[in-house]
Amino acid sequence: MVPAFSEAAFSMKPGETTKEPVQTQFGWHVIKVEERRTTQPPKLDEVAQDLRQAVSREIGTAYLQDLRKSATIERFNMDGTPKKDDNPAQ
């Protein structure tokens, strides 16, 4: 949630509606709190595979970025001639 929205929503009690509209980068909002629910965080067994994949992806991305910093990249046209590089920083 964006800060203005969450500040307004979490400062109210169930059944209350904002007295004035709340402005965010997404527009104007009239907020009504219907109820509050508590959620339990997921168990580690339930999210372990997702966490492993996320960490693996981060490590792989960082590794590739390091390789690209020291690599010399040459691009070629379909006919084998060197391609003119308009943006050498990439």
PDB file of N, CA and C in Angstrom:
ATOM      1  N   MET A   1       0.840  -1.187   0.000  1.00  0.00           N
ATOM      2  CA  MET A   1       0.000   0.000   0.000  1.00  0.00           C
ATOM      3  C   MET A   1       0.881   1.244   0.000  1.00  0.00           C
ATOM      4  N   VAL A   2       0.409   2.253  -0.664  1.00  0.00           N
ATOM      5  CA  VAL A   2       1.137   3.521  -0.627  1.00  0.00           C
ATOM      6  C   VAL A   2       0.928   4.158   0.742  1.00  0.00           C
ATOM      7  N   PRO A   3       1.908   4.940   1.232  1.00  0.00           N
ATOM      8  CA  PRO A   3       1.842   5.476   2.595  1.00  0.00           C
ATOM      9  C   PRO A   3       0.564   6.246   2.938  1.00  0.00           C
ATOM     10  N   ALA A   4       0.116   7.135   2.074  1.00  0.00           N
ATOM     11  CA  ALA A   4      -1.078   7.940   2.396  1.00  0.00           C
ATOM     12  C   ALA A   4      -2.299   7.047   2.594  1.00  0.00           C
ATOM     13  N   PHE A   5      -2.428   6.016   1.768  1.00  0.00           N
ATOM     14  CA  PHE A   5      -3.561   5.106   1.853  1.00  0.00           C
ATOM     15  C   PHE A   5      -3.473   4.270   3.128  1.00  0.00           C
ATOM     16  N   SER A   6      -2.305   3.688   3.403  1.00  0.00           N
ATOM     17  CA  SER A   6      -2.178   2.831   4.586  1.00  0.00           C
ATOM     18  C   SER A   6      -2.322   3.623   5.878  1.00  0.00           C
ATOM     19  N   GLU A   7      -1.805   4.845   5.916  1.00  0.00           N
ATOM     20  CA  GLU A   7      -1.957   5.672   7.122  1.00  0.00           C
ATOM     21  C   GLU A   7      -3.432   5.916   7.417  1.00  0.00           C
ATOM     22  N   ALA A   8      -4.182   6.251   6.394  1.00  0.00           N
ATOM     23  CA  ALA A   8      -5.616   6.503   6.588  1.00  0.00           C
ATOM     24  C   ALA A   8      -6.342   5.224   6.972  1.00  0.00           C
ATOM     25  N   ALA A   9      -6.078   4.138   6.261  1.00  0.00           N
ATOM     26  CA  ALA A   9      -6.796   2.882   6.497  1.00  0.00           C
ATOM     27  C   ALA A   9      -6.504   2.310   7.879  1.00  0.00           C
ATOM     28  N   PHE A  10      -5.247   2.340   8.297  1.00  0.00           N
ATOM     29  CA  PHE A  10      -4.891   1.722   9.573  1.00  0.00           C
ATOM     30  C   PHE A  10      -5.159   2.618  10.778  1.00  0.00           C
ATOM     31  N   SER A  11      -5.546   3.872  10.531  1.00  0.00           N
ATOM     32  CA  SER A  11      -5.885   4.750  11.650  1.00  0.00           C
ATOM     33  C   SER A  11      -7.379   4.683  11.985  1.00  0.00           C
ATOM     34  N   MET A  12      -8.153   3.940  11.185  1.00  0.00           N
ATOM     35  CA  MET A  12      -9.595   3.858  11.394  1.00  0.00           C
ATOM     36  C   MET A  12      -9.981   2.529  12.022  1.00  0.00           C
ATOM     37  N   LYS A  13     -11.165   2.522  12.609  1.00  0.00           N
ATOM     38  CA  LYS A  13     -11.718   1.304  13.209  1.00  0.00           C
ATOM     39  C   LYS A  13     -12.691   0.666  12.226  1.00  0.00           C
ATOM     40  N   PRO A  14     -12.967  -0.634  12.385  1.00  0.00           N
ATOM     41  CA  PRO A  14     -13.945  -1.284  11.502  1.00  0.00           C
ATOM     42  C   PRO A  14     -15.285  -0.533  11.508  1.00  0.00           C
ATOM     43  N   GLY A  15     -15.839  -0.340  10.304  1.00  0.00           N
ATOM     44  CA  GLY A  15     -17.105   0.370  10.153  1.00  0.00           C
ATOM     45  C   GLY A  15     -16.923   1.840   9.847  1.00  0.00           C
ATOM     46  N   GLU A  16     -15.738   2.392  10.050  1.00  0.00           N
ATOM     47  CA  GLU A  16     -15.500   3.816   9.792  1.00  0.00           C
ATOM     48  C   GLU A  16     -15.175   4.063   8.320  1.00  0.00           C
ATOM     49  N   THR A  17     -15.507   5.278   7.869  1.00  0.00           N
ATOM     50  CA  THR A  17     -15.201   5.739   6.512  1.00  0.00           C
ATOM     51  C   THR A  17     -14.405   7.022   6.644  1.00  0.00           C
ATOM     52  N   THR A  18     -13.470   7.260   5.719  1.00  0.00           N
ATOM     53  CA  THR A  18     -12.683   8.495   5.786  1.00  0.00           C
ATOM     54  C   THR A  18     -13.612   9.702   5.692  1.00  0.00           C
ATOM     55  N   LYS A  19     -13.312  10.717   6.482  1.00  0.00           N
ATOM     56  CA  LYS A  19     -14.129  11.926   6.476  1.00  0.00           C
ATOM     57  C   LYS A  19     -13.876  12.750   5.220  1.00  0.00           C
ATOM     58  N   GLU A  20     -12.653  12.679   4.702  1.00  0.00           N
ATOM     59  CA  GLU A  20     -12.287  13.374   3.468  1.00  0.00           C
ATOM     60  C   GLU A  20     -11.576  12.374   2.559  1.00  0.00           C
ATOM     61  N   PRO A  21     -11.672  12.558   1.242  1.00  0.00           N
ATOM     62  CA  PRO A  21     -10.963  11.649   0.329  1.00  0.00           C
ATOM     63  C   PRO A  21      -9.450  11.701   0.569  1.00  0.00           C
ATOM     64  N   VAL A  22      -8.790  10.588   0.317  1.00  0.00           N
ATOM     65  CA  VAL A  22      -7.344  10.474   0.486  1.00  0.00           C
ATOM     66  C   VAL A  22      -6.712  10.485  -0.908  1.00  0.00           C
ATOM     67  N   GLN A  23      -5.727  11.363  -1.099  1.00  0.00           N
ATOM     68  CA  GLN A  23      -5.076  11.449  -2.404  1.00  0.00           C
ATOM     69  C   GLN A  23      -3.790  10.629  -2.406  1.00  0.00           C
ATOM     70  N   THR A  24      -3.624   9.804  -3.450  1.00  0.00           N
ATOM     71  CA  THR A  24      -2.390   9.060  -3.684  1.00  0.00           C
ATOM     72  C   THR A  24      -1.977   9.282  -5.130  1.00  0.00           C
ATOM     73  N   GLN A  25      -0.871   8.682  -5.535  1.00  0.00           N
ATOM     74  CA  GLN A  25      -0.438   8.813  -6.928  1.00  0.00           C
ATOM     75  C   GLN A  25      -1.408   8.131  -7.886  1.00  0.00           C
ATOM     76  N   PHE A  26      -2.320   7.313  -7.345  1.00  0.00           N
ATOM     77  CA  PHE A  26      -3.298   6.612  -8.168  1.00  0.00           C
ATOM     78  C   PHE A  26      -4.631   7.350  -8.263  1.00  0.00           C
ATOM     79  N   GLY A  27      -4.751   8.482  -7.568  1.00  0.00           N
ATOM     80  CA  GLY A  27      -5.989   9.258  -7.600  1.00  0.00           C
ATOM     81  C   GLY A  27      -6.526   9.518  -6.203  1.00  0.00           C
ATOM     82  N   TRP A  28      -7.827   9.772  -6.137  1.00  0.00           N
ATOM     83  CA  TRP A  28      -8.495  10.069  -4.872  1.00  0.00           C
ATOM     84  C   TRP A  28      -9.271   8.848  -4.409  1.00  0.00           C
ATOM     85  N   HIS A  29      -9.304   8.610  -3.087  1.00  0.00           N
ATOM     86  CA  HIS A  29      -9.935   7.413  -2.544  1.00  0.00           C
ATOM     87  C   HIS A  29     -10.802   7.751  -1.335  1.00  0.00           C
ATOM     88  N   VAL A  30     -11.961   7.136  -1.267  1.00  0.00           N
ATOM     89  CA  VAL A  30     -12.785   7.149  -0.058  1.00  0.00           C
ATOM     90  C   VAL A  30     -12.654   5.744   0.500  1.00  0.00           C
ATOM     91  N   ILE A  31     -12.162   5.648   1.722  1.00  0.00           N
ATOM     92  CA  ILE A  31     -11.843   4.344   2.298  1.00  0.00           C
ATOM     93  C   ILE A  31     -12.851   3.996   3.379  1.00  0.00           C
ATOM     94  N   LYS A  32     -13.346   2.783   3.350  1.00  0.00           N
ATOM     95  CA  LYS A  32     -14.198   2.269   4.409  1.00  0.00           C
ATOM     96  C   LYS A  32     -13.566   0.970   4.899  1.00  0.00           C
ATOM     97  N   VAL A  33     -13.334   0.917   6.215  1.00  0.00           N
ATOM     98  CA  VAL A  33     -12.766  -0.287   6.806  1.00  0.00           C
ATOM     99  C   VAL A  33     -13.918  -1.205   7.173  1.00  0.00           C
ATOM    100  N   GLU A  34     -13.990  -2.333   6.492  1.00  0.00           N
ATOM    101  CA  GLU A  34     -15.047  -3.311   6.747  1.00  0.00           C
ATOM    102  C   GLU A  34     -14.720  -4.147   7.982  1.00  0.00           C
ATOM    103  N   GLU A  35     -13.517  -4.676   8.021  1.00  0.00           N
ATOM    104  CA  GLU A  35     -13.096  -5.506   9.148  1.00  0.00           C
ATOM    105  C   GLU A  35     -11.582  -5.596   9.137  1.00  0.00           C
ATOM    106  N   ARG A  36     -11.040  -6.095  10.202  1.00  0.00           N
ATOM    107  CA  ARG A  36      -9.602  -6.341  10.293  1.00  0.00           C
ATOM    108  C   ARG A  36      -9.394  -7.834  10.423  1.00  0.00           C
ATOM    109  N   ARG A  37      -8.448  -8.336   9.675  1.00  0.00           N
ATOM    110  CA  ARG A  37      -8.127  -9.759   9.750  1.00  0.00           C
ATOM    111  C   ARG A  37      -6.649  -9.908  10.038  1.00  0.00           C
ATOM    112  N   THR A  38      -6.337 -10.887  10.799  1.00  0.00           N
ATOM    113  CA  THR A  38      -4.926 -11.178  11.026  1.00  0.00           C
ATOM    114  C   THR A  38      -4.583 -12.407  10.197  1.00  0.00           C
ATOM    115  N   THR A  39      -3.434 -12.359   9.611  1.00  0.00           N
ATOM    116  CA  THR A  39      -2.982 -13.503   8.828  1.00  0.00           C
ATOM    117  C   THR A  39      -1.717 -14.055   9.462  1.00  0.00           C
ATOM    118  N   GLN A  40      -1.570 -15.326   9.378  1.00  0.00           N
ATOM    119  CA  GLN A  40      -0.373 -15.972   9.891  1.00  0.00           C
ATOM    120  C   GLN A  40       0.655 -16.035   8.762  1.00  0.00           C
ATOM    121  N   PRO A  41       1.915 -15.802   9.089  1.00  0.00           N
ATOM    122  CA  PRO A  41       2.924 -15.948   8.048  1.00  0.00           C
ATOM    123  C   PRO A  41       2.992 -17.401   7.594  1.00  0.00           C
ATOM    124  N   PRO A  42       3.343 -17.641   6.345  1.00  0.00           N
ATOM    125  CA  PRO A  42       3.412 -19.021   5.871  1.00  0.00           C
ATOM    126  C   PRO A  42       4.537 -19.784   6.565  1.00  0.00           C
ATOM    127  N   LYS A  43       4.388 -21.076   6.644  1.00  0.00           N
ATOM    128  CA  LYS A  43       5.415 -21.916   7.241  1.00  0.00           C
ATOM    129  C   LYS A  43       6.584 -22.030   6.267  1.00  0.00           C
ATOM    130  N   LEU A  44       7.769 -22.218   6.813  1.00  0.00           N
ATOM    131  CA  LEU A  44       8.970 -22.283   5.992  1.00  0.00           C
ATOM    132  C   LEU A  44       8.856 -23.368   4.924  1.00  0.00           C
ATOM    133  N   ASP A  45       8.292 -24.526   5.280  1.00  0.00           N
ATOM    134  CA  ASP A  45       8.166 -25.611   4.289  1.00  0.00           C
ATOM    135  C   ASP A  45       7.346 -25.164   3.076  1.00  0.00           C
ATOM    136  N   GLU A  46       6.383 -24.274   3.297  1.00  0.00           N
ATOM    137  CA  GLU A  46       5.497 -23.835   2.223  1.00  0.00           C
ATOM    138  C   GLU A  46       6.178 -22.869   1.257  1.00  0.00           C
ATOM    139  N   VAL A  47       7.171 -22.120   1.739  1.00  0.00           N
ATOM    140  CA  VAL A  47       7.809 -21.108   0.898  1.00  0.00           C
ATOM    141  C   VAL A  47       9.278 -21.389   0.615  1.00  0.00           C
ATOM    142  N   ALA A  48       9.815 -22.482   1.138  1.00  0.00           N
ATOM    143  CA  ALA A  48      11.245 -22.772   0.994  1.00  0.00           C
ATOM    144  C   ALA A  48      11.673 -22.824  -0.468  1.00  0.00           C
ATOM    145  N   GLN A  49      10.907 -23.511  -1.311  1.00  0.00           N
ATOM    146  CA  GLN A  49      11.272 -23.635  -2.728  1.00  0.00           C
ATOM    147  C   GLN A  49      11.262 -22.266  -3.410  1.00  0.00           C
ATOM    148  N   ASP A  50      10.272 -21.439  -3.102  1.00  0.00           N
ATOM    149  CA  ASP A  50      10.216 -20.095  -3.687  1.00  0.00           C
ATOM    150  C   ASP A  50      11.413 -19.260  -3.250  1.00  0.00           C
ATOM    151  N   LEU A  51      11.784 -19.371  -1.975  1.00  0.00           N
ATOM    152  CA  LEU A  51      12.936 -18.631  -1.467  1.00  0.00           C
ATOM    153  C   LEU A  51      14.222 -19.088  -2.153  1.00  0.00           C
ATOM    154  N   ARG A  52      14.380 -20.394  -2.326  1.00  0.00           N
ATOM    155  CA  ARG A  52      15.571 -20.919  -3.013  1.00  0.00           C
ATOM    156  C   ARG A  52      15.658 -20.374  -4.437  1.00  0.00           C
ATOM    157  N   GLN A  53      14.529 -20.373  -5.132  1.00  0.00           N
ATOM    158  CA  GLN A  53      14.511 -19.871  -6.505  1.00  0.00           C
ATOM    159  C   GLN A  53      14.846 -18.384  -6.557  1.00  0.00           C
ATOM    160  N   ALA A  54      14.306 -17.609  -5.624  1.00  0.00           N
ATOM    161  CA  ALA A  54      14.570 -16.168  -5.605  1.00  0.00           C
ATOM    162  C   ALA A  54      16.047 -15.885  -5.348  1.00  0.00           C
ATOM    163  N   VAL A  55      16.638 -16.591  -4.384  1.00  0.00           N
ATOM    164  CA  VAL A  55      18.058 -16.391  -4.071  1.00  0.00           C
ATOM    165  C   VAL A  55      18.918 -16.826  -5.252  1.00  0.00           C
ATOM    166  N   SER A  56      18.575 -17.955  -5.855  1.00  0.00           N
ATOM    167  CA  SER A  56      19.319 -18.447  -7.017  1.00  0.00           C
ATOM    168  C   SER A  56      19.269 -17.439  -8.158  1.00  0.00           C
ATOM    169  N   ARG A  57      18.097 -16.873  -8.395  1.00  0.00           N
ATOM    170  CA  ARG A  57      17.929 -15.876  -9.458  1.00  0.00           C
ATOM    171  C   ARG A  57      18.782 -14.637  -9.169  1.00  0.00           C
ATOM    172  N   GLU A  58      18.793 -14.178  -7.918  1.00  0.00           N
ATOM    173  CA  GLU A  58      19.592 -13.006  -7.550  1.00  0.00           C
ATOM    174  C   GLU A  58      21.077 -13.266  -7.757  1.00  0.00           C
ATOM    175  N   ILE A  59      21.543 -14.432  -7.337  1.00  0.00           N
ATOM    176  CA  ILE A  59      22.961 -14.779  -7.485  1.00  0.00           C
ATOM    177  C   ILE A  59      23.320 -14.863  -8.969  1.00  0.00           C
ATOM    178  N   GLY A  60      22.468 -15.519  -9.751  1.00  0.00           N
ATOM    179  CA  GLY A  60      22.726 -15.632 -11.185  1.00  0.00           C
ATOM    180  C   GLY A  60      22.758 -14.289 -11.880  1.00  0.00           C
ATOM    181  N   THR A  61      21.834 -13.417 -11.539  1.00  0.00           N
ATOM    182  CA  THR A  61      21.790 -12.082 -12.136  1.00  0.00           C
ATOM    183  C   THR A  61      23.046 -11.292 -11.794  1.00  0.00           C
ATOM    184  N   ALA A  62      23.460 -11.329 -10.525  1.00  0.00           N
ATOM    185  CA  ALA A  62      24.669 -10.617 -10.102  1.00  0.00           C
ATOM    186  C   ALA A  62      25.895 -11.171 -10.815  1.00  0.00           C
ATOM    187  N   TYR A  63      25.970 -12.493 -10.964  1.00  0.00           N
ATOM    188  CA  TYR A  63      27.097 -13.124 -11.643  1.00  0.00           C
ATOM    189  C   TYR A  63      27.170 -12.681 -13.102  1.00  0.00           C
ATOM    190  N   LEU A  64      26.036 -12.683 -13.783  1.00  0.00           N
ATOM    191  CA  LEU A  64      26.014 -12.251 -15.178  1.00  0.00           C
ATOM    192  C   LEU A  64      26.389 -10.779 -15.325  1.00  0.00           C
ATOM    193  N   GLN A  65      25.937  -9.946 -14.409  1.00  0.00           N
ATOM    194  CA  GLN A  65      26.292  -8.526 -14.471  1.00  0.00           C
ATOM    195  C   GLN A  65      27.794  -8.338 -14.317  1.00  0.00           C
ATOM    196  N   ASP A  66      28.419  -9.104 -13.414  1.00  0.00           N
ATOM    197  CA  ASP A  66      29.869  -9.031 -13.248  1.00  0.00           C
ATOM    198  C   ASP A  66      30.583  -9.491 -14.511  1.00  0.00           C
ATOM    199  N   LEU A  67      30.102 -10.567 -15.129  1.00  0.00           N
ATOM    200  CA  LEU A  67      30.710 -11.051 -16.365  1.00  0.00           C
ATOM    201  C   LEU A  67      30.606 -10.018 -17.480  1.00  0.00           C
ATOM    202  N   ARG A  68      29.460  -9.365 -17.582  1.00  0.00           N
ATOM    203  CA  ARG A  68      29.254  -8.377 -18.642  1.00  0.00           C
ATOM    204  C   ARG A  68      30.175  -7.169 -18.478  1.00  0.00           C
ATOM    205  N   LYS A  69      30.526  -6.818 -17.240  1.00  0.00           N
ATOM    206  CA  LYS A  69      31.401  -5.669 -17.008  1.00  0.00           C
ATOM    207  C   LYS A  69      32.773  -5.884 -17.639  1.00  0.00           C
ATOM    208  N   SER A  70      33.276  -7.107 -17.596  1.00  0.00           N
ATOM    209  CA  SER A  70      34.615  -7.377 -18.108  1.00  0.00           C
ATOM    210  C   SER A  70      34.609  -7.997 -19.501  1.00  0.00           C
ATOM    211  N   ALA A  71      33.444  -8.246 -20.065  1.00  0.00           N
ATOM    212  CA  ALA A  71      33.358  -8.914 -21.365  1.00  0.00           C
ATOM    213  C   ALA A  71      33.441  -7.917 -22.514  1.00  0.00           C
ATOM    214  N   THR A  72      33.975  -8.394 -23.621  1.00  0.00           N
ATOM    215  CA  THR A  72      33.938  -7.633 -24.859  1.00  0.00           C
ATOM    216  C   THR A  72      32.850  -8.272 -25.708  1.00  0.00           C
ATOM    217  N   ILE A  73      31.823  -7.506 -25.979  1.00  0.00           N
ATOM    218  CA  ILE A  73      30.681  -8.035 -26.718  1.00  0.00           C
ATOM    219  C   ILE A  73      30.716  -7.486 -28.134  1.00  0.00           C
ATOM    220  N   GLU A  74      30.697  -8.388 -29.103  1.00  0.00           N
ATOM    221  CA  GLU A  74      30.667  -7.996 -30.504  1.00  0.00           C
ATOM    222  C   GLU A  74      29.358  -8.497 -31.099  1.00  0.00           C
ATOM    223  N   ARG A  75      28.714  -7.653 -31.869  1.00  0.00           N
ATOM    224  CA  ARG A  75      27.452  -8.030 -32.498  1.00  0.00           C
ATOM    225  C   ARG A  75      27.630  -8.052 -34.009  1.00  0.00           C
ATOM    226  N   PHE A  76      26.923  -8.995 -34.625  1.00  0.00           N
ATOM    227  CA  PHE A  76      27.059  -9.153 -36.060  1.00  0.00           C
ATOM    228  C   PHE A  76      25.688  -9.157 -36.724  1.00  0.00           C
ATOM    229  N   ASN A  77      25.670  -8.683 -37.964  1.00  0.00           N
ATOM    230  CA  ASN A  77      24.462  -8.746 -38.776  1.00  0.00           C
ATOM    231  C   ASN A  77      24.279 -10.181 -39.254  1.00  0.00           C
ATOM    232  N   MET A  78      23.139 -10.472 -39.839  1.00  0.00           N
ATOM    233  CA  MET A  78      22.857 -11.817 -40.334  1.00  0.00           C
ATOM    234  C   MET A  78      23.857 -12.260 -41.406  1.00  0.00           C
ATOM    235  N   ASP A  79      24.408 -11.311 -42.143  1.00  0.00           N
ATOM    236  CA  ASP A  79      25.355 -11.675 -43.201  1.00  0.00           C
ATOM    237  C   ASP A  79      26.784 -11.825 -42.679  1.00  0.00           C
ATOM    238  N   GLY A  80      26.989 -11.645 -41.377  1.00  0.00           N
ATOM    239  CA  GLY A  80      28.305 -11.831 -40.780  1.00  0.00           C
ATOM    240  C   GLY A  80      29.130 -10.572 -40.665  1.00  0.00           C
ATOM    241  N   THR A  81      28.644  -9.473 -41.179  1.00  0.00           N
ATOM    242  CA  THR A  81      29.389  -8.221 -41.058  1.00  0.00           C
ATOM    243  C   THR A  81      29.188  -7.645 -39.674  1.00  0.00           C
ATOM    244  N   PRO A  82      30.203  -6.945 -39.166  1.00  0.00           N
ATOM    245  CA  PRO A  82      30.066  -6.354 -37.828  1.00  0.00           C
ATOM    246  C   PRO A  82      28.905  -5.371 -37.793  1.00  0.00           C
ATOM    247  N   LYS A  83      28.169  -5.429 -36.723  1.00  0.00           N
ATOM    248  CA  LYS A  83      27.026  -4.548 -36.555  1.00  0.00           C
ATOM    249  C   LYS A  83      27.503  -3.255 -35.918  1.00  0.00           C
ATOM    250  N   LYS A  84      27.047  -2.116 -36.438  1.00  0.00           N
ATOM    251  CA  LYS A  84      27.390  -0.831 -35.861  1.00  0.00           C
ATOM    252  C   LYS A  84      26.665  -0.711 -34.528  1.00  0.00           C
ATOM    253  N   ASP A  85      27.405  -0.439 -33.471  1.00  0.00           N
ATOM    254  CA  ASP A  85      26.820  -0.368 -32.128  1.00  0.00           C
ATOM    255  C   ASP A  85      26.451   1.076 -31.823  1.00  0.00           C
ATOM    256  N   ASP A  86      25.137   1.361 -31.811  1.00  0.00           N
ATOM    257  CA  ASP A  86      24.649   2.708 -31.533  1.00  0.00           C
ATOM    258  C   ASP A  86      24.704   3.039 -30.052  1.00  0.00           C
ATOM    259  N   ASN A  87      24.711   2.023 -29.190  1.00  0.00           N
ATOM    260  CA  ASN A  87      24.693   2.234 -27.749  1.00  0.00           C
ATOM    261  C   ASN A  87      25.750   1.335 -27.098  1.00  0.00           C
ATOM    262  N   PRO A  88      27.010   1.742 -27.085  1.00  0.00           N
ATOM    263  CA  PRO A  88      28.084   0.873 -26.595  1.00  0.00           C
ATOM    264  C   PRO A  88      28.017   0.578 -25.102  1.00  0.00           C
ATOM    265  N   ALA A  89      27.226   1.300 -24.338  1.00  0.00           N
ATOM    266  CA  ALA A  89      27.158   1.072 -22.883  1.00  0.00           C
ATOM    267  C   ALA A  89      26.409  -0.188 -22.526  1.00  0.00           C
ATOM    268  N   GLN A  90      25.632  -0.762 -23.446  1.00  0.00           N
ATOM    269  CA  GLN A  90      24.833  -1.940 -23.130  1.00  0.00           C
ATOM    270  C   GLN A  90      25.602  -3.201 -23.336  1.00  0.00           C
TER     271      GLN A  90
END
